[in-house]
Amino acid sequence: MTSKVMRTLSKPVIPWVVGCVQLTVSVVLVLADKPSPSRYVYQYPLYTCGYVTDRMVNEFAAANAERLPVIVDTSSTNAAVPPIDPAARSQWEISAEGCALTPAMREPLEFLEQRYVAEGRLGGTGWTIISPAR
């Protein structure tokens, strides 16, 4: 469903759509009528040792620094992704794949820690919504 189509739907339809589809970050972006701030809607490639490159991490970090997007931290339901919150991340254990938090990703996470604040949770998902500090 495109954002143009979503704009033509009445607001009462949105909860119905959310109830009928698996809520993912992509669905949230469509419902909010927001493009992804970078090509990494899902950051799995950035947490894959042997695959991630400095160029990929730099592209992700630059997009976040330039656009300052609202971010949905889905780590509470995905053990393969480290939490953005430093306290939660200190309790996080590397997933079975064995290499999720590369040294290169520490700097973008530090940027988010320093410049973003938690705004609350998204519905019953447990996902944390963070946005740039005002």
C-alpha atoms as a PDB file:
ATOM      1  CA  MET A   1       0.000   0.000   0.000  1.00  0.00           C
ATOM      2  CA  THR A   2       1.552   3.287  -1.027  1.00  0.00           C
ATOM      3  CA  SER A   3       1.662   6.418   1.064  1.00  0.00           C
ATOM      4  CA  LYS A   4      -0.612   8.097  -1.498  1.00  0.00           C
ATOM      5  CA  VAL A   5      -3.220   5.400  -0.908  1.00  0.00           C
ATOM      6  CA  MET A   6      -2.812   5.710   2.869  1.00  0.00           C
ATOM      7  CA  ARG A   7      -3.432   9.467   2.657  1.00  0.00           C
ATOM      8  CA  THR A   8      -6.790   8.783   1.026  1.00  0.00           C
ATOM      9  CA  LEU A   9      -7.903   6.443   3.830  1.00  0.00           C
ATOM     10  CA  SER A  10      -9.694   7.800   6.836  1.00  0.00           C
ATOM     11  CA  LYS A  11      -7.893   7.661  10.184  1.00  0.00           C
ATOM     12  CA  PRO A  12     -10.237   4.973  11.642  1.00  0.00           C
ATOM     13  CA  VAL A  13      -8.939   2.591   8.986  1.00  0.00           C
ATOM     14  CA  ILE A  14      -5.354   2.797  10.231  1.00  0.00           C
ATOM     15  CA  PRO A  15      -5.961   0.781  13.447  1.00  0.00           C
ATOM     16  CA  TRP A  16      -7.777  -1.802  11.331  1.00  0.00           C
ATOM     17  CA  VAL A  17      -4.774  -2.042   8.975  1.00  0.00           C
ATOM     18  CA  VAL A  18      -2.424  -2.411  11.935  1.00  0.00           C
ATOM     19  CA  GLY A  19      -4.639  -5.201  13.317  1.00  0.00           C
ATOM     20  CA  CYS A  20      -4.560  -7.068  10.004  1.00  0.00           C
ATOM     21  CA  VAL A  21      -0.871  -6.971   9.185  1.00  0.00           C
ATOM     22  CA  GLN A  22       2.245  -7.889  11.060  1.00  0.00           C
ATOM     23  CA  LEU A  23       3.552  -4.623  12.436  1.00  0.00           C
ATOM     24  CA  THR A  24       7.033  -4.003  11.083  1.00  0.00           C
ATOM     25  CA  VAL A  25       9.171  -0.921  10.763  1.00  0.00           C
ATOM     26  CA  SER A  26       8.225  -0.791   7.076  1.00  0.00           C
ATOM     27  CA  VAL A  27       4.516  -0.749   7.966  1.00  0.00           C
ATOM     28  CA  VAL A  28       5.127   2.007  10.522  1.00  0.00           C
ATOM     29  CA  LEU A  29       6.908   4.101   7.868  1.00  0.00           C
ATOM     30  CA  VAL A  30       4.019   3.683   5.429  1.00  0.00           C
ATOM     31  CA  LEU A  31       1.389   4.536   8.053  1.00  0.00           C
ATOM     32  CA  ALA A  32       3.386   7.589   9.129  1.00  0.00           C
ATOM     33  CA  ASP A  33       3.893   8.583   5.489  1.00  0.00           C
ATOM     34  CA  LYS A  34       7.668   8.764   6.069  1.00  0.00           C
ATOM     35  CA  PRO A  35      10.439   7.524   3.816  1.00  0.00           C
ATOM     36  CA  SER A  36      13.257   5.568   5.373  1.00  0.00           C
ATOM     37  CA  PRO A  37      16.064   7.967   6.358  1.00  0.00           C
ATOM     38  CA  SER A  38      18.586   5.634   4.719  1.00  0.00           C
ATOM     39  CA  ARG A  39      18.549   2.516   2.625  1.00  0.00           C
ATOM     40  CA  TYR A  40      18.983   0.564   5.857  1.00  0.00           C
ATOM     41  CA  VAL A  41      15.368   0.349   7.006  1.00  0.00           C
ATOM     42  CA  TYR A  42      16.515  -2.775   8.799  1.00  0.00           C
ATOM     43  CA  GLN A  43      20.069  -2.592  10.100  1.00  0.00           C
ATOM     44  CA  TYR A  44      20.839  -6.330   9.853  1.00  0.00           C
ATOM     45  CA  PRO A  45      23.584  -5.770   7.259  1.00  0.00           C
ATOM     46  CA  LEU A  46      25.256  -3.336   9.654  1.00  0.00           C
ATOM     47  CA  TYR A  47      25.434  -5.983  12.375  1.00  0.00           C
ATOM     48  CA  THR A  48      26.862  -8.749  10.188  1.00  0.00           C
ATOM     49  CA  CYS A  49      30.578  -9.277  10.692  1.00  0.00           C
ATOM     50  CA  GLY A  50      32.371 -10.180   7.497  1.00  0.00           C
ATOM     51  CA  TYR A  51      29.716  -8.346   5.471  1.00  0.00           C
ATOM     52  CA  VAL A  52      29.478  -4.836   6.905  1.00  0.00           C
ATOM     53  CA  THR A  53      31.958  -2.303   5.578  1.00  0.00           C
ATOM     54  CA  ASP A  54      33.072   1.059   6.918  1.00  0.00           C
ATOM     55  CA  ARG A  55      31.395   2.643   3.896  1.00  0.00           C
ATOM     56  CA  MET A  56      28.028   1.112   4.856  1.00  0.00           C
ATOM     57  CA  VAL A  57      28.334   2.287   8.459  1.00  0.00           C
ATOM     58  CA  ASN A  58      29.421   5.770   7.363  1.00  0.00           C
ATOM     59  CA  GLU A  59      26.442   6.011   4.991  1.00  0.00           C
ATOM     60  CA  PHE A  60      24.051   5.016   7.783  1.00  0.00           C
ATOM     61  CA  ALA A  61      25.646   7.421  10.278  1.00  0.00           C
ATOM     62  CA  ALA A  62      25.630  10.317   7.785  1.00  0.00           C
ATOM     63  CA  ALA A  63      21.940   9.779   6.958  1.00  0.00           C
ATOM     64  CA  ASN A  64      21.033   9.822  10.650  1.00  0.00           C
ATOM     65  CA  ALA A  65      23.141  12.926  11.326  1.00  0.00           C
ATOM     66  CA  GLU A  66      21.697  14.764   8.320  1.00  0.00           C
ATOM     67  CA  ARG A  67      18.038  13.826   8.648  1.00  0.00           C
ATOM     68  CA  LEU A  68      17.738  13.276  12.424  1.00  0.00           C
ATOM     69  CA  PRO A  69      14.890  10.778  11.967  1.00  0.00           C
ATOM     70  CA  VAL A  70      12.583   9.424  14.619  1.00  0.00           C
ATOM     71  CA  ILE A  71      13.829   5.874  15.208  1.00  0.00           C
ATOM     72  CA  VAL A  72      11.945   2.723  16.181  1.00  0.00           C
ATOM     73  CA  ASP A  73      14.238   0.505  18.270  1.00  0.00           C
ATOM     74  CA  THR A  74      12.931  -3.047  17.701  1.00  0.00           C
ATOM     75  CA  SER A  75      15.686  -4.732  19.691  1.00  0.00           C
ATOM     76  CA  SER A  76      13.245  -5.726  22.447  1.00  0.00           C
ATOM     77  CA  THR A  77      11.745  -8.315  20.079  1.00  0.00           C
ATOM     78  CA  ASN A  78      14.864  -9.109  18.054  1.00  0.00           C
ATOM     79  CA  ALA A  79      17.829 -10.624  19.876  1.00  0.00           C
ATOM     80  CA  ALA A  80      20.044 -10.198  16.801  1.00  0.00           C
ATOM     81  CA  VAL A  81      19.977  -6.401  17.092  1.00  0.00           C
ATOM     82  CA  PRO A  82      21.710  -4.603  19.960  1.00  0.00           C
ATOM     83  CA  PRO A  83      19.593  -2.070  21.858  1.00  0.00           C
ATOM     84  CA  ILE A  84      20.259   1.626  21.312  1.00  0.00           C
ATOM     85  CA  ASP A  85      19.864   2.341  25.029  1.00  0.00           C
ATOM     86  CA  PRO A  86      23.319   1.882  26.617  1.00  0.00           C
ATOM     87  CA  ALA A  87      21.911   0.364  29.842  1.00  0.00           C
ATOM     88  CA  ALA A  88      19.901  -2.215  27.881  1.00  0.00           C
ATOM     89  CA  ARG A  89      22.865  -2.849  25.589  1.00  0.00           C
ATOM     90  CA  SER A  90      25.124  -3.582  28.575  1.00  0.00           C
ATOM     91  CA  GLN A  91      22.721  -6.443  29.466  1.00  0.00           C
ATOM     92  CA  TRP A  92      22.399  -7.613  25.865  1.00  0.00           C
ATOM     93  CA  GLU A  93      24.091 -10.818  24.794  1.00  0.00           C
ATOM     94  CA  ILE A  94      25.444 -11.376  21.320  1.00  0.00           C
ATOM     95  CA  SER A  95      23.079 -13.518  19.286  1.00  0.00           C
ATOM     96  CA  ALA A  96      23.733 -17.099  18.257  1.00  0.00           C
ATOM     97  CA  GLU A  97      25.306 -15.853  15.022  1.00  0.00           C
ATOM     98  CA  GLY A  98      28.117 -14.651  17.274  1.00  0.00           C
ATOM     99  CA  CYS A  99      28.891 -11.268  15.820  1.00  0.00           C
ATOM    100  CA  ALA A 100      26.255  -8.583  15.885  1.00  0.00           C
ATOM    101  CA  LEU A 101      27.875  -5.476  17.320  1.00  0.00           C
ATOM    102  CA  THR A 102      30.849  -4.638  15.172  1.00  0.00           C
ATOM    103  CA  PRO A 103      33.375  -2.079  16.378  1.00  0.00           C
ATOM    104  CA  ALA A 104      32.343   0.158  13.455  1.00  0.00           C
ATOM    105  CA  MET A 105      28.751   0.410  14.745  1.00  0.00           C
ATOM    106  CA  ARG A 106      29.750   1.709  18.165  1.00  0.00           C
ATOM    107  CA  GLU A 107      30.197   5.302  16.906  1.00  0.00           C
ATOM    108  CA  PRO A 108      26.716   5.604  15.313  1.00  0.00           C
ATOM    109  CA  LEU A 109      25.191   4.162  18.491  1.00  0.00           C
ATOM    110  CA  GLU A 110      27.120   6.697  20.581  1.00  0.00           C
ATOM    111  CA  PHE A 111      25.760   9.472  18.326  1.00  0.00           C
ATOM    112  CA  LEU A 112      22.207   8.274  19.043  1.00  0.00           C
ATOM    113  CA  GLU A 113      22.914   7.997  22.780  1.00  0.00           C
ATOM    114  CA  GLN A 114      24.171  11.588  22.920  1.00  0.00           C
ATOM    115  CA  ARG A 115      21.603  13.281  20.686  1.00  0.00           C
ATOM    116  CA  TYR A 116      18.387  11.277  21.090  1.00  0.00           C
ATOM    117  CA  VAL A 117      15.853  10.692  23.850  1.00  0.00           C
ATOM    118  CA  ALA A 118      13.325   7.930  24.403  1.00  0.00           C
ATOM    119  CA  GLU A 119       9.788   9.189  23.753  1.00  0.00           C
ATOM    120  CA  GLY A 120       7.848   6.070  24.717  1.00  0.00           C
ATOM    121  CA  ARG A 121       6.789   2.679  23.389  1.00  0.00           C
ATOM    122  CA  LEU A 122       4.914   1.770  20.224  1.00  0.00           C
ATOM    123  CA  GLY A 123       1.649   0.097  21.194  1.00  0.00           C
ATOM    124  CA  GLY A 124       1.941  -3.461  22.436  1.00  0.00           C
ATOM    125  CA  THR A 125       5.160  -4.107  20.530  1.00  0.00           C
ATOM    126  CA  GLY A 126       7.615  -3.157  23.254  1.00  0.00           C
ATOM    127  CA  TRP A 127       9.535  -1.140  20.662  1.00  0.00           C
ATOM    128  CA  THR A 128      11.038   2.107  21.909  1.00  0.00           C
ATOM    129  CA  ILE A 129      10.522   5.286  19.937  1.00  0.00           C
ATOM    130  CA  ILE A 130      13.481   7.660  20.128  1.00  0.00           C
ATOM    131  CA  SER A 131      13.744  11.111  18.639  1.00  0.00           C
ATOM    132  CA  PRO A 132      16.293  13.912  18.494  1.00  0.00           C
ATOM    133  CA  ALA A 133      16.631  15.782  21.779  1.00  0.00           C
ATOM    134  CA  ARG A 134      15.135  19.249  21.592  1.00  0.00           C
END
